[in-house]
């Protein structure tokens, strides 16, 4: 069961919530006030504020200030002995004391205990008690100083008032902070007949003690009756999660407080201050004993659980070791097979290297030989128009060689360079590709239809994407069918990937060539326009980006290239 506060909203909402809960807790505290006394046996807002700051964060402290300010102003406003200015100053100082109290407690929890739920071990439970005493002392000191400054108490009352304030805040923290933190923590509570019976016994005990207090008994026995609930509270701490035992503490404490403010019960003494102190000691002893025992039991159960898991894993470890030995034998066999496969792959790569050297030397020399031949013809021919034709042919040969060199460089960079991550804007990338192709080649007018759906940020290797787009779009332009080439580019971006579809109305590729178009130096046409490296480079770059490519083509109608590229995390 997970009761974590589902507060993924604004800070303002959290502050308002803290202020509201603080005010309601303050009203509860005033309800338990002793008659004809300004002291309170418990101050629930201290525990509520402490728990909320831990759960919602230190930035919600303004909610404590607002709640405390409103609660104190409303409590003192109708007092005819206090001027309005005094009420505001006093309420402000008290609000500051309660805010400082919660902030100090949160700091100690975060930096000393280092856990938002300090009830999983005995050591942290005792540390929580020390934190409660320390933060309450800070708040009580500042609050008592406020009363003294406003001349509501004299020097003789400072120590007694401060001590009463301190104990009241400690009791409020011990009662309400563990309860709220336990509510927000994951806990398992399975209702069974046996456990229901145990809870029923505790409730029956509380009711029985309450009824016995209504009967006139021996005074000594009457003062001892409330402590009969302590063994049952310890039993709840031993048998149940903390949420059940602290609920039991709250029930016993509320019954004790209610009976006492009615002027009855074992905690009534001649002096109201002593009565309140006796009641606070009773509640404190119950809370501390139950919380520490619950933490001890929780810690012991965790150790038992880990020990049980360790014992269960012993046999598994032996089986795993046996399996590991068998796997080692299998691994050696696989290593031998892998070595043989590596040798075959090396032989294949050597063959590819030979083909690469041959093809590169041929494709680099062919344009140079063509240029040299055209230059010799141009020297011999005196016709001006023929010289222009020769120059145009020389230019085409040079461009062909330049394009081939660029492809070789792209292939080299793709195989050597690591993948780099940067945010991609497909609109600018595609427009830049079309512009470069237009400037590099005299292709005439190309109609382009670009549709991009990019609401999510996309991260990839920009250089490799540009190489991919440049090769695919240049193929669409180079192998156009007629004088009105149309290239459609559709891009859809999701949180995890980019899907591209590049469609043209070009010459198309015959089905017999489709299985081989990704091979190095493979040409699907004999018109000499390409080197056979373009789609090989595209395929290699796509694999570097962990993507996929699929090409569909029909002769005379065009080609569609579909790409799916995951975003780089």
Protein backbone atom coordinates (compact mmCIF):
# COMPACT_ATOMS: atom_id res chain seq x y z
CA UNK A 1 0.00 0.00 0.00
CA UNK A 2 1.47 3.37 -1.03
CA UNK A 3 0.09 6.50 0.60
CA UNK A 4 2.70 8.92 -0.77
CA UNK A 5 1.23 12.36 -1.16
CA UNK A 6 0.39 12.81 -4.87
CA UNK A 7 1.45 16.45 -4.75
CA UNK A 8 3.06 17.10 -8.12
CA UNK A 9 1.54 20.53 -8.30
CA UNK A 10 2.77 24.07 -7.77
CA UNK A 11 4.61 25.33 -4.73
CA UNK A 12 1.73 27.72 -4.03
CA UNK A 13 -0.68 24.82 -3.63
CA UNK A 14 1.69 23.10 -1.19
CA UNK A 15 2.09 26.27 0.88
CA UNK A 16 -1.68 26.75 1.09
CA UNK A 17 -2.11 23.10 2.08
CA UNK A 18 0.54 23.38 4.82
CA UNK A 19 -1.05 26.59 6.15
CA UNK A 20 -4.53 24.99 6.21
CA UNK A 21 -3.41 21.81 7.96
CA UNK A 22 -1.36 23.83 10.44
CA UNK A 23 -4.39 25.95 11.31
CA UNK A 24 -6.63 22.90 11.77
CA UNK A 25 -3.99 21.28 13.99
CA UNK A 26 -3.80 24.51 16.02
CA UNK A 27 -7.56 24.42 16.58
CA UNK A 28 -7.15 20.86 17.86
CA UNK A 29 -4.40 22.04 20.21
CA UNK A 30 -6.58 24.86 21.59
CA UNK A 31 -9.38 22.33 22.11
CA UNK A 32 -7.16 20.41 24.55
CA UNK A 33 -6.15 23.56 26.48
CA UNK A 34 -6.56 23.42 30.25
CA UNK A 35 -9.15 25.71 31.76
CA UNK A 36 -7.77 28.92 33.30
CA UNK A 37 -4.31 28.21 31.87
CA UNK A 38 -2.40 29.62 28.91
CA UNK A 39 -0.25 26.48 28.65
CA UNK A 40 -1.13 23.61 26.34
CA UNK A 41 -0.43 19.94 27.18
CA UNK A 42 0.40 19.29 23.53
CA UNK A 43 0.84 21.43 20.44
CA UNK A 44 -0.17 19.25 17.43
CA UNK A 45 0.95 21.84 14.79
CA UNK A 46 4.59 21.23 15.74
CA UNK A 47 4.30 17.58 14.70
CA UNK A 48 2.15 18.35 11.64
CA UNK A 49 4.49 21.10 10.41
CA UNK A 50 7.58 18.94 10.94
CA UNK A 51 6.09 16.04 8.97
CA UNK A 52 4.89 18.27 6.11
CA UNK A 53 8.27 19.98 5.74
CA UNK A 54 9.96 16.57 5.54
CA UNK A 55 7.45 15.26 2.98
CA UNK A 56 6.90 18.35 0.84
CA UNK A 57 10.28 20.07 1.13
CA UNK A 58 11.85 22.95 3.01
CA UNK A 59 10.46 25.46 0.50
CA UNK A 60 6.97 25.06 2.03
CA UNK A 61 8.00 26.85 5.26
CA UNK A 62 5.91 29.97 4.40
CA UNK A 63 2.82 27.79 4.92
CA UNK A 64 3.88 27.21 8.54
CA UNK A 65 4.37 30.94 9.09
CA UNK A 66 0.98 31.78 7.59
CA UNK A 67 -0.87 29.06 9.53
CA UNK A 68 0.82 29.96 12.82
CA UNK A 69 0.21 33.70 12.31
CA UNK A 70 -3.51 33.24 11.57
CA UNK A 71 -4.01 30.75 14.44
CA UNK A 72 -2.35 32.98 17.04
CA UNK A 73 -4.04 36.18 15.89
CA UNK A 74 -7.46 34.51 16.11
CA UNK A 75 -6.58 33.06 19.52
CA UNK A 76 -5.54 36.40 21.06
CA UNK A 77 -7.57 38.93 19.07
CA UNK A 78 -10.58 38.94 21.41
CA UNK A 79 -8.43 39.34 24.53
CA UNK A 80 -9.34 42.79 25.90
CA UNK A 81 -6.06 42.99 27.83
CA UNK A 82 -3.97 42.87 24.63
CA UNK A 83 -3.87 45.82 22.19
CA UNK A 84 -4.08 44.99 18.50
CA UNK A 85 -0.45 46.00 17.94
CA UNK A 86 0.70 43.68 20.73
CA UNK A 87 -1.36 40.82 19.28
CA UNK A 88 0.24 41.25 15.86
CA UNK A 89 3.80 41.50 17.23
CA UNK A 90 3.29 38.55 19.56
CA UNK A 91 1.68 36.41 16.83
CA UNK A 92 4.51 37.25 14.43
CA UNK A 93 7.19 36.20 16.95
CA UNK A 94 5.36 32.97 17.75
CA UNK A 95 4.92 32.24 14.02
CA UNK A 96 8.65 32.82 13.51
CA UNK A 97 9.46 30.45 16.40
CA UNK A 98 7.32 27.64 14.98
CA UNK A 99 8.77 28.17 11.48
CA UNK A 100 12.35 28.09 12.80
CA UNK A 101 11.49 24.95 14.77
CA UNK A 102 10.35 23.04 11.67
CA UNK A 103 13.26 24.27 9.52
CA UNK A 104 15.83 23.25 12.16
CA UNK A 105 14.21 19.83 12.50
CA UNK A 106 14.19 19.32 8.73
CA UNK A 107 17.87 20.31 8.52
CA UNK A 108 18.83 17.78 11.20
CA UNK A 109 16.75 15.04 9.54
CA UNK A 110 18.30 15.64 6.10
CA UNK A 111 21.91 16.09 7.21
CA UNK A 112 22.20 13.88 10.29
CA UNK A 113 19.70 11.06 9.99
CA UNK A 114 19.69 11.33 6.16
CA UNK A 115 16.34 9.58 5.83
CA UNK A 116 12.82 10.93 5.51
CA UNK A 117 11.58 7.93 7.48
CA UNK A 118 13.80 7.54 10.58
CA UNK A 119 11.88 4.62 12.08
CA UNK A 120 13.58 1.72 10.32
CA UNK A 121 16.38 1.36 12.87
CA UNK A 122 16.78 1.85 16.61
CA UNK A 123 19.67 4.27 16.16
CA UNK A 124 17.66 6.57 13.89
CA UNK A 125 14.65 6.36 16.22
CA UNK A 126 16.78 7.69 19.10
CA UNK A 127 18.21 10.32 16.78
CA UNK A 128 14.66 11.36 15.92
CA UNK A 129 13.98 11.79 19.65
CA UNK A 130 17.07 13.99 19.99
CA UNK A 131 16.00 16.03 16.93
CA UNK A 132 12.54 16.51 18.49
CA UNK A 133 14.07 17.76 21.75
CA UNK A 134 16.50 20.10 19.96
CA UNK A 135 14.06 21.70 17.51
CA UNK A 136 11.41 22.11 20.23
CA UNK A 137 13.96 23.85 22.43
CA UNK A 138 14.71 26.32 19.62
CA UNK A 139 11.02 27.07 19.06
CA UNK A 140 10.19 27.30 22.77
CA UNK A 141 13.10 29.66 23.45
CA UNK A 142 12.07 32.13 20.74
CA UNK A 143 8.38 31.88 21.62
CA UNK A 144 8.99 32.46 25.35
CA UNK A 145 11.21 35.40 24.46
CA UNK A 146 8.28 36.86 22.51
CA UNK A 147 6.01 36.58 25.53
CA UNK A 148 8.65 38.20 27.72
CA UNK A 149 9.30 41.06 25.30
CA UNK A 150 5.58 41.83 25.17
CA UNK A 151 5.50 41.75 29.01
CA UNK A 152 2.99 38.91 29.15
CA UNK A 153 5.26 37.05 31.58
CA UNK A 154 7.79 38.33 34.07
CA UNK A 155 11.28 37.08 34.87
CA UNK A 156 10.05 34.58 37.44
CA UNK A 157 7.77 32.89 34.87
CA UNK A 158 10.24 32.64 31.99
CA UNK A 159 11.79 29.28 32.94
CA UNK A 160 8.48 27.64 33.82
CA UNK A 161 6.73 28.93 30.67
CA UNK A 162 9.65 27.94 28.43
CA UNK A 163 9.81 24.45 29.91
CA UNK A 164 6.05 23.95 29.49
CA UNK A 165 6.22 25.21 25.91
CA UNK A 166 9.17 22.92 25.15
CA UNK A 167 7.48 19.79 26.53
CA UNK A 168 4.20 20.61 24.74
CA UNK A 169 5.99 20.88 21.38
CA UNK A 170 7.92 17.65 21.99
CA UNK A 171 4.69 15.80 22.77
CA UNK A 172 3.07 17.22 19.62
CA UNK A 173 6.00 16.01 17.50
CA UNK A 174 6.07 12.55 19.09
CA UNK A 175 2.33 12.12 18.53
CA UNK A 176 1.78 13.50 15.02
CA UNK A 177 5.07 13.39 13.07
CA UNK A 178 5.49 9.56 13.22
CA UNK A 179 1.80 9.15 12.35
CA UNK A 180 1.98 11.34 9.22
CA UNK A 181 5.34 9.91 8.09
CA UNK A 182 3.99 6.37 8.58
CA UNK A 183 0.91 7.27 6.50
CA UNK A 184 3.16 8.48 3.68
CA UNK A 185 5.42 5.42 3.84
CA UNK A 186 4.79 2.14 2.03
CA UNK A 187 3.52 -0.40 4.50
CA UNK A 188 1.78 -3.73 4.33
CA UNK A 189 -1.25 -4.37 6.47
CA UNK A 190 -3.20 -7.53 5.87
CA UNK A 191 -6.40 -7.81 7.83
CA UNK A 192 -6.70 -11.22 9.44
CA UNK A 193 -8.99 -12.53 12.15
CA UNK A 194 -6.06 -12.98 14.54
CA UNK A 195 -4.74 -9.43 14.11
CA UNK A 196 -8.24 -7.99 14.21
CA UNK A 197 -8.69 -9.75 17.55
CA UNK A 198 -5.45 -8.23 18.86
CA UNK A 199 -6.51 -4.70 17.83
CA UNK A 200 -9.89 -5.33 19.41
CA UNK A 201 -8.23 -6.33 22.68
CA UNK A 202 -6.32 -3.03 22.72
CA UNK A 203 -9.45 -0.97 22.06
CA UNK A 204 -11.31 -2.91 24.74
CA UNK A 205 -8.47 -2.18 27.16
CA UNK A 206 -8.66 1.55 26.48
CA UNK A 207 -12.43 1.54 26.98
CA UNK A 208 -12.09 -0.51 30.16
CA UNK A 209 -9.51 1.88 31.62
CA UNK A 210 -11.78 4.81 30.77
CA UNK A 211 -14.73 3.18 32.51
CA UNK A 212 -12.63 2.29 35.55
CA UNK A 213 -11.61 5.92 35.85
CA UNK A 214 -15.27 6.83 36.26
CA UNK A 215 -15.44 4.68 39.40
CA UNK A 216 -14.05 5.92 42.72
CA UNK A 217 -11.10 3.71 43.51
CA UNK A 218 -8.06 3.86 45.73
CA UNK A 219 -6.13 7.02 44.64
CA UNK A 220 -2.87 5.14 44.08
CA UNK A 221 -4.60 2.56 41.85
CA UNK A 222 -6.35 5.34 39.96
CA UNK A 223 -3.02 7.00 39.11
CA UNK A 224 -1.64 3.68 37.90
CA UNK A 225 -4.53 2.69 35.62
CA UNK A 226 -3.41 4.62 32.48
CA UNK A 227 -0.07 2.81 32.46
CA UNK A 228 -1.95 -0.49 31.97
CA UNK A 229 -2.32 0.55 28.32
CA UNK A 230 1.48 0.61 27.85
CA UNK A 231 1.98 -3.20 27.54
CA UNK A 232 -0.75 -3.35 24.92
CA UNK A 233 0.83 -0.47 22.97
CA UNK A 234 4.15 -2.29 23.06
CA UNK A 235 2.37 -5.39 21.79
CA UNK A 236 0.99 -3.38 18.86
CA UNK A 237 4.50 -2.12 18.12
CA UNK A 238 5.81 -5.70 18.22
CA UNK A 239 3.08 -7.19 16.04
CA UNK A 240 2.15 -4.45 13.58
CA UNK A 241 3.66 -1.71 11.43
CA UNK A 242 4.33 1.68 12.97
CA UNK A 243 1.09 3.14 11.57
CA UNK A 244 -0.98 0.83 13.80
CA UNK A 245 1.00 1.44 16.99
CA UNK A 246 1.09 5.24 16.59
CA UNK A 247 -2.64 5.19 15.94
CA UNK A 248 -2.98 3.36 19.25
CA UNK A 249 -0.85 6.05 20.91
CA UNK A 250 -3.09 8.79 19.46
CA UNK A 251 -6.23 7.06 20.73
CA UNK A 252 -4.81 6.59 24.24
CA UNK A 253 -3.48 10.16 24.29
CA UNK A 254 -6.74 11.73 23.10
CA UNK A 255 -8.70 9.80 25.74
CA UNK A 256 -6.24 10.91 28.43
CA UNK A 257 -6.34 14.54 27.28
CA UNK A 258 -10.13 14.62 27.05
CA UNK A 259 -10.64 13.12 30.51
CA UNK A 260 -8.09 15.49 32.02
CA UNK A 261 -9.56 18.70 30.55
CA UNK A 262 -12.91 17.62 32.01
CA UNK A 263 -11.24 17.75 35.43
CA UNK A 264 -11.30 14.00 35.99
CA UNK A 265 -8.87 11.11 35.89
CA UNK A 266 -5.54 10.20 37.40
CA UNK A 267 -3.64 13.22 36.08
CA UNK A 268 -5.59 15.82 38.10
CA UNK A 269 -3.39 17.34 40.80
CA UNK A 270 -3.69 20.42 42.99
CA UNK A 271 -1.67 22.55 40.57
CA UNK A 272 -2.85 22.61 36.89
CA UNK A 273 0.78 22.97 35.79
CA UNK A 274 1.74 19.76 37.61
CA UNK A 275 -1.32 18.01 36.17
CA UNK A 276 -0.29 19.00 32.67
CA UNK A 277 3.32 17.95 33.29
CA UNK A 278 2.22 14.51 34.56
CA UNK A 279 0.01 14.06 31.50
CA UNK A 280 2.84 15.09 29.16
CA UNK A 281 5.23 12.63 30.83
CA UNK A 282 2.68 9.84 30.40
CA UNK A 283 2.16 10.60 26.68
CA UNK A 284 5.90 11.02 26.13
CA UNK A 285 6.77 7.70 27.78
CA UNK A 286 4.10 5.91 25.72
CA UNK A 287 5.28 7.49 22.46
CA UNK A 288 9.00 7.01 22.95
CA UNK A 289 8.68 3.40 24.14
CA UNK A 290 6.37 2.42 21.30
CA UNK A 291 8.35 4.19 18.56
CA UNK A 292 11.71 2.76 19.69
CA UNK A 293 10.30 -0.77 20.01
CA UNK A 294 8.66 -0.50 16.59
CA UNK A 295 11.96 0.62 15.04
CA UNK A 296 13.82 -2.22 16.78
CA UNK A 297 11.32 -4.80 15.52
CA UNK A 298 11.49 -3.30 12.01
CA UNK A 299 15.28 -3.48 12.05
CA UNK A 300 15.24 -7.07 13.31
CA UNK A 301 12.73 -8.13 10.65
CA UNK A 302 14.90 -6.54 7.96
CA UNK A 303 17.93 -8.49 9.19
CA UNK A 304 15.91 -11.71 9.35
CA UNK A 305 14.62 -11.11 5.85
CA UNK A 306 18.13 -10.55 4.49
CA UNK A 307 19.38 -13.66 6.30
CA UNK A 308 16.53 -15.69 4.86
CA UNK A 309 17.30 -14.43 1.37
CA UNK A 310 20.97 -15.27 1.86
CA UNK A 311 20.14 -18.82 2.93
CA UNK A 312 17.79 -19.23 0.02
CA UNK A 313 20.48 -17.98 -2.34
CA UNK A 314 23.15 -20.40 -1.12
CA UNK A 315 21.77 -23.29 -3.12
CA UNK A 316 21.20 -21.01 -6.07
CA UNK A 317 24.82 -19.84 -5.84
CA UNK A 318 26.05 -23.45 -5.96
CA UNK A 319 23.85 -24.17 -8.96
CA UNK A 320 25.01 -20.99 -10.63
CA UNK A 321 28.65 -21.92 -10.06
CA UNK A 322 28.07 -25.33 -11.60
CA UNK A 323 26.29 -23.71 -14.48
CA UNK A 324 29.14 -21.22 -14.83
CA UNK A 325 31.62 -24.06 -15.24
CA UNK A 326 29.46 -25.59 -17.94
CA UNK A 327 29.12 -22.21 -19.56
CA UNK A 328 32.88 -21.77 -19.48
CA UNK A 329 33.28 -24.95 -21.49
CA UNK A 330 30.62 -23.75 -23.89
CA UNK A 331 32.28 -20.34 -24.06
CA UNK A 332 35.56 -21.88 -25.07
CA UNK A 333 33.86 -23.74 -27.87
CA UNK A 334 32.14 -20.55 -28.96
CA UNK A 335 35.48 -18.72 -28.80
CA UNK A 336 36.98 -21.25 -31.18
CA UNK A 337 34.02 -20.89 -33.52
CA UNK A 338 34.27 -17.10 -33.21
CA UNK A 339 37.97 -17.25 -34.06
CA UNK A 340 37.19 -19.25 -37.17
CA UNK A 341 34.46 -16.75 -38.05
CA UNK A 342 36.90 -13.90 -37.48
CA UNK A 343 39.37 -15.52 -39.85
CA UNK A 344 36.67 -15.86 -42.47
CA UNK A 345 35.64 -12.23 -41.89
CA UNK A 346 39.25 -11.11 -42.19
CA UNK A 347 39.59 -12.95 -45.46
CA UNK A 348 36.39 -11.32 -46.65
CA UNK A 349 37.65 -7.87 -45.61
CA UNK A 350 40.91 -8.44 -47.45
CA UNK A 351 38.96 -9.28 -50.58
CA UNK A 352 36.83 -6.17 -50.13
CA UNK A 353 39.99 -4.11 -49.62
CA UNK A 354 41.43 -5.41 -52.88
CA UNK A 355 38.18 -4.52 -54.65
CA UNK A 356 38.17 -1.14 -52.94
CA UNK A 357 41.72 -0.33 -54.05
CA UNK A 358 40.96 -1.45 -57.59
CA UNK A 359 37.69 0.51 -57.82
CA UNK A 360 39.15 3.63 -56.21
CA UNK A 361 42.17 3.65 -58.51
CA UNK A 362 39.92 3.12 -61.52
CA UNK A 363 37.34 5.77 -60.57
CA UNK A 364 40.04 8.29 -59.64
CA UNK A 365 42.07 7.75 -62.80
CA UNK A 366 39.14 7.63 -65.22
CA UNK A 367 38.15 11.32 -64.84
CA UNK A 368 41.83 12.38 -64.98
CA UNK A 369 42.37 10.39 -68.18
CA UNK A 370 39.23 11.93 -69.63
CA UNK A 371 40.40 15.45 -68.69
CA UNK A 372 43.83 14.86 -70.24
CA UNK A 373 42.29 13.54 -73.46
CA UNK A 374 39.90 16.49 -73.72
CA UNK A 375 42.76 18.93 -73.15
CA UNK A 376 44.73 17.38 -76.04
CA UNK A 377 41.68 17.61 -78.30
CA UNK A 378 41.12 21.23 -77.26
CA UNK A 379 44.73 22.10 -78.16
CA UNK A 380 44.35 20.70 -81.66
CA UNK A 381 40.87 22.07 -82.38
CA UNK A 382 40.69 25.78 -83.24
CA UNK A 383 36.91 25.95 -83.26
CA UNK A 384 35.80 28.19 -80.38
CA UNK A 385 32.47 26.41 -79.94
CA UNK A 386 34.24 23.06 -79.69
CA UNK A 387 36.59 24.46 -77.04
CA UNK A 388 33.54 25.47 -74.95
CA UNK A 389 32.19 21.97 -75.32
CA UNK A 390 35.54 20.53 -74.23
CA UNK A 391 35.62 22.82 -71.19
CA UNK A 392 32.11 21.71 -70.23
CA UNK A 393 33.12 18.07 -70.51
CA UNK A 394 36.28 18.74 -68.46
CA UNK A 395 34.12 20.43 -65.80
CA UNK A 396 31.81 17.40 -65.63
CA UNK A 397 34.76 15.02 -65.27
CA UNK A 398 36.26 17.17 -62.51
CA UNK A 399 32.92 17.31 -60.68
CA UNK A 400 32.58 13.54 -61.00
CA UNK A 401 36.02 13.07 -59.46
CA UNK A 402 35.28 15.62 -56.70
CA UNK A 403 32.02 13.83 -55.85
CA UNK A 404 33.81 10.49 -55.72
CA UNK A 405 36.53 11.86 -53.41
CA UNK A 406 33.86 13.30 -51.11
CA UNK A 407 32.17 9.92 -50.92
CA UNK A 408 35.45 8.23 -50.00
CA UNK A 409 36.05 10.85 -47.29
CA UNK A 410 32.51 10.39 -45.96
CA UNK A 411 33.02 6.65 -45.76
CA UNK A 412 36.35 7.12 -43.96
CA UNK A 413 34.92 9.60 -41.44
CA UNK A 414 31.86 7.45 -40.78
CA UNK A 415 34.00 4.43 -39.92
CA UNK A 416 36.46 6.41 -37.74
CA UNK A 417 34.50 9.09 -35.90
CA UNK A 418 32.44 8.48 -32.76
CA UNK A 419 28.77 9.36 -32.80
CA UNK A 420 28.19 12.88 -31.44
CA UNK A 421 24.92 14.03 -29.84
CA UNK A 422 23.28 17.35 -30.62
CA UNK A 423 19.74 18.65 -31.06
CA UNK A 424 18.46 18.34 -34.63
CA UNK A 425 16.11 20.75 -36.39
CA UNK A 426 15.05 18.82 -39.49
CA UNK A 427 13.59 21.83 -41.30
CA UNK A 428 16.86 23.72 -41.44
CA UNK A 429 18.86 20.52 -42.11
CA UNK A 430 16.73 19.52 -45.12
CA UNK A 431 16.64 23.06 -46.54
CA UNK A 432 20.42 23.27 -46.20
CA UNK A 433 20.83 19.95 -48.05
CA UNK A 434 18.65 21.08 -50.98
CA UNK A 435 20.50 24.40 -51.17
CA UNK A 436 23.94 22.76 -51.28
CA UNK A 437 22.84 20.31 -53.98
CA UNK A 438 21.41 23.18 -56.01
CA UNK A 439 24.66 25.13 -55.80
CA UNK A 440 26.85 22.09 -56.47
CA UNK A 441 25.00 20.80 -59.53
CA UNK A 442 23.23 22.41 -62.43
CA UNK A 443 20.00 20.46 -61.97
CA UNK A 444 17.42 23.04 -62.91
CA UNK A 445 14.19 23.42 -60.99
CA UNK A 446 13.31 20.69 -58.50
CA UNK A 447 9.88 20.75 -56.89
CA UNK A 448 10.17 19.85 -53.23
CA UNK A 449 7.31 19.07 -50.82
CA UNK A 450 8.52 19.05 -47.22
CA UNK A 451 6.26 18.14 -44.30
CA UNK A 452 7.78 18.05 -40.82
CA UNK A 453 5.95 17.15 -37.62
CA UNK A 454 8.47 17.95 -34.88
CA UNK A 455 6.89 18.79 -31.52
CA UNK A 456 9.46 16.82 -29.51
CA UNK A 457 13.20 17.59 -29.28
CA UNK A 458 15.33 15.12 -31.24
CA UNK A 459 19.01 14.39 -30.65
CA UNK A 460 21.35 12.65 -33.07
CA UNK A 461 24.60 13.02 -35.04
CA UNK A 462 24.03 16.00 -37.33
CA UNK A 463 26.95 15.24 -39.69
CA UNK A 464 25.82 11.66 -40.32
CA UNK A 465 22.20 12.76 -40.84
CA UNK A 466 23.40 15.31 -43.37
CA UNK A 467 25.45 12.65 -45.21
CA UNK A 468 22.39 10.36 -45.31
CA UNK A 469 20.04 13.07 -46.61
CA UNK A 470 22.60 14.36 -49.12
CA UNK A 471 23.11 10.93 -50.71
CA UNK A 472 19.40 10.04 -50.86
CA UNK A 473 18.21 13.42 -52.18
CA UNK A 474 21.09 13.68 -54.67
CA UNK A 475 20.10 10.23 -56.03
CA UNK A 476 16.52 11.46 -56.43
CA UNK A 477 17.80 14.46 -58.40
CA UNK A 478 20.43 12.56 -60.42
CA UNK A 479 18.08 9.77 -61.54
CA UNK A 480 15.06 11.93 -62.27
CA UNK A 481 12.57 10.85 -64.90
CA UNK A 482 11.93 13.77 -67.22
CA UNK A 483 12.31 17.49 -66.59
CA UNK A 484 9.88 17.97 -63.66
CA UNK A 485 11.40 16.12 -60.69
CA UNK A 486 9.30 16.11 -57.52
CA UNK A 487 10.83 15.15 -54.19
CA UNK A 488 8.58 14.68 -51.15
CA UNK A 489 10.11 14.59 -47.67
CA UNK A 490 7.92 13.63 -44.69
CA UNK A 491 9.37 13.71 -41.16
CA UNK A 492 7.60 12.65 -37.97
CA UNK A 493 9.28 12.99 -34.59
CA UNK A 494 8.24 11.07 -31.46
CA UNK A 495 9.82 10.97 -28.03
CA UNK A 496 11.95 7.98 -28.97
CA UNK A 497 12.67 8.21 -32.70
CA UNK A 498 12.43 10.06 -36.01
CA UNK A 499 10.68 8.54 -39.03
CA UNK A 500 11.56 9.89 -42.48
CA UNK A 501 10.09 9.08 -45.88
CA UNK A 502 11.80 10.51 -49.01
CA UNK A 503 9.77 9.91 -52.18
CA UNK A 504 10.61 10.88 -55.78
CA UNK A 505 9.11 10.38 -59.24
CA UNK A 506 12.38 9.31 -60.82
CA UNK A 507 13.45 6.38 -62.97
CA UNK A 508 13.18 3.81 -60.19
CA UNK A 509 15.24 0.69 -59.53
CA UNK A 510 14.61 -2.72 -60.99
CA UNK A 511 13.61 -5.38 -58.45
CA UNK A 512 16.60 -7.57 -59.36
CA UNK A 513 18.95 -4.82 -58.16
CA UNK A 514 17.22 -4.02 -54.84
CA UNK A 515 18.94 -6.78 -52.76
CA UNK A 516 22.40 -5.53 -53.83
CA UNK A 517 22.09 -1.74 -53.78
CA UNK A 518 23.79 -1.42 -50.35
CA UNK A 519 26.95 -3.17 -51.53
CA UNK A 520 30.15 -1.21 -52.02
CA UNK A 521 30.63 0.02 -55.63
CA UNK A 522 27.43 -1.67 -56.79
CA UNK A 523 25.72 0.22 -59.62
CA UNK A 524 22.12 -0.47 -60.52
CA UNK A 525 22.57 1.40 -63.82
CA UNK A 526 25.31 1.67 -66.41
CA UNK A 527 24.87 5.38 -67.17
CA UNK A 528 28.04 6.19 -65.17
CA UNK A 529 26.36 8.89 -63.08
CA UNK A 530 27.31 7.41 -59.73
CA UNK A 531 30.21 5.65 -58.05
CA UNK A 532 28.22 2.92 -56.32
CA UNK A 533 29.26 4.22 -52.89
CA UNK A 534 26.27 6.40 -52.00
CA UNK A 535 23.80 3.86 -50.61
CA UNK A 536 26.66 1.88 -49.05
CA UNK A 537 27.62 4.99 -47.08
CA UNK A 538 23.96 5.60 -46.18
CA UNK A 539 23.62 2.05 -44.88
CA UNK A 540 26.83 2.31 -42.80
CA UNK A 541 25.80 5.67 -41.32
CA UNK A 542 22.32 4.39 -40.46
CA UNK A 543 23.85 1.42 -38.63
CA UNK A 544 26.13 3.78 -36.67
CA UNK A 545 22.96 5.55 -35.45
CA UNK A 546 21.24 2.20 -34.66
CA UNK A 547 18.58 2.97 -37.24
CA UNK A 548 16.86 1.12 -40.08
CA UNK A 549 16.45 1.79 -43.81
CA UNK A 550 14.01 0.35 -46.32
CA UNK A 551 13.83 1.20 -50.03
CA UNK A 552 10.78 0.58 -52.22
CA UNK A 553 11.03 1.31 -55.92
CA UNK A 554 9.17 0.78 -59.15
CA UNK A 555 10.74 1.34 -62.55
CA UNK A 556 9.33 4.40 -64.29
CA UNK A 557 7.36 5.61 -61.27
CA UNK A 558 9.92 6.45 -58.61
CA UNK A 559 11.54 5.41 -55.36
CA UNK A 560 10.59 5.77 -51.68
CA UNK A 561 13.27 5.60 -48.99
CA UNK A 562 12.01 5.05 -45.42
CA UNK A 563 14.27 5.71 -42.45
CA UNK A 564 13.74 5.15 -38.74
CA UNK A 565 16.38 6.65 -36.45
CA UNK A 566 16.21 6.48 -32.64
CA UNK A 567 17.00 9.58 -30.63
CA UNK A 568 20.32 9.53 -28.80
CA UNK A 569 19.72 9.42 -25.05
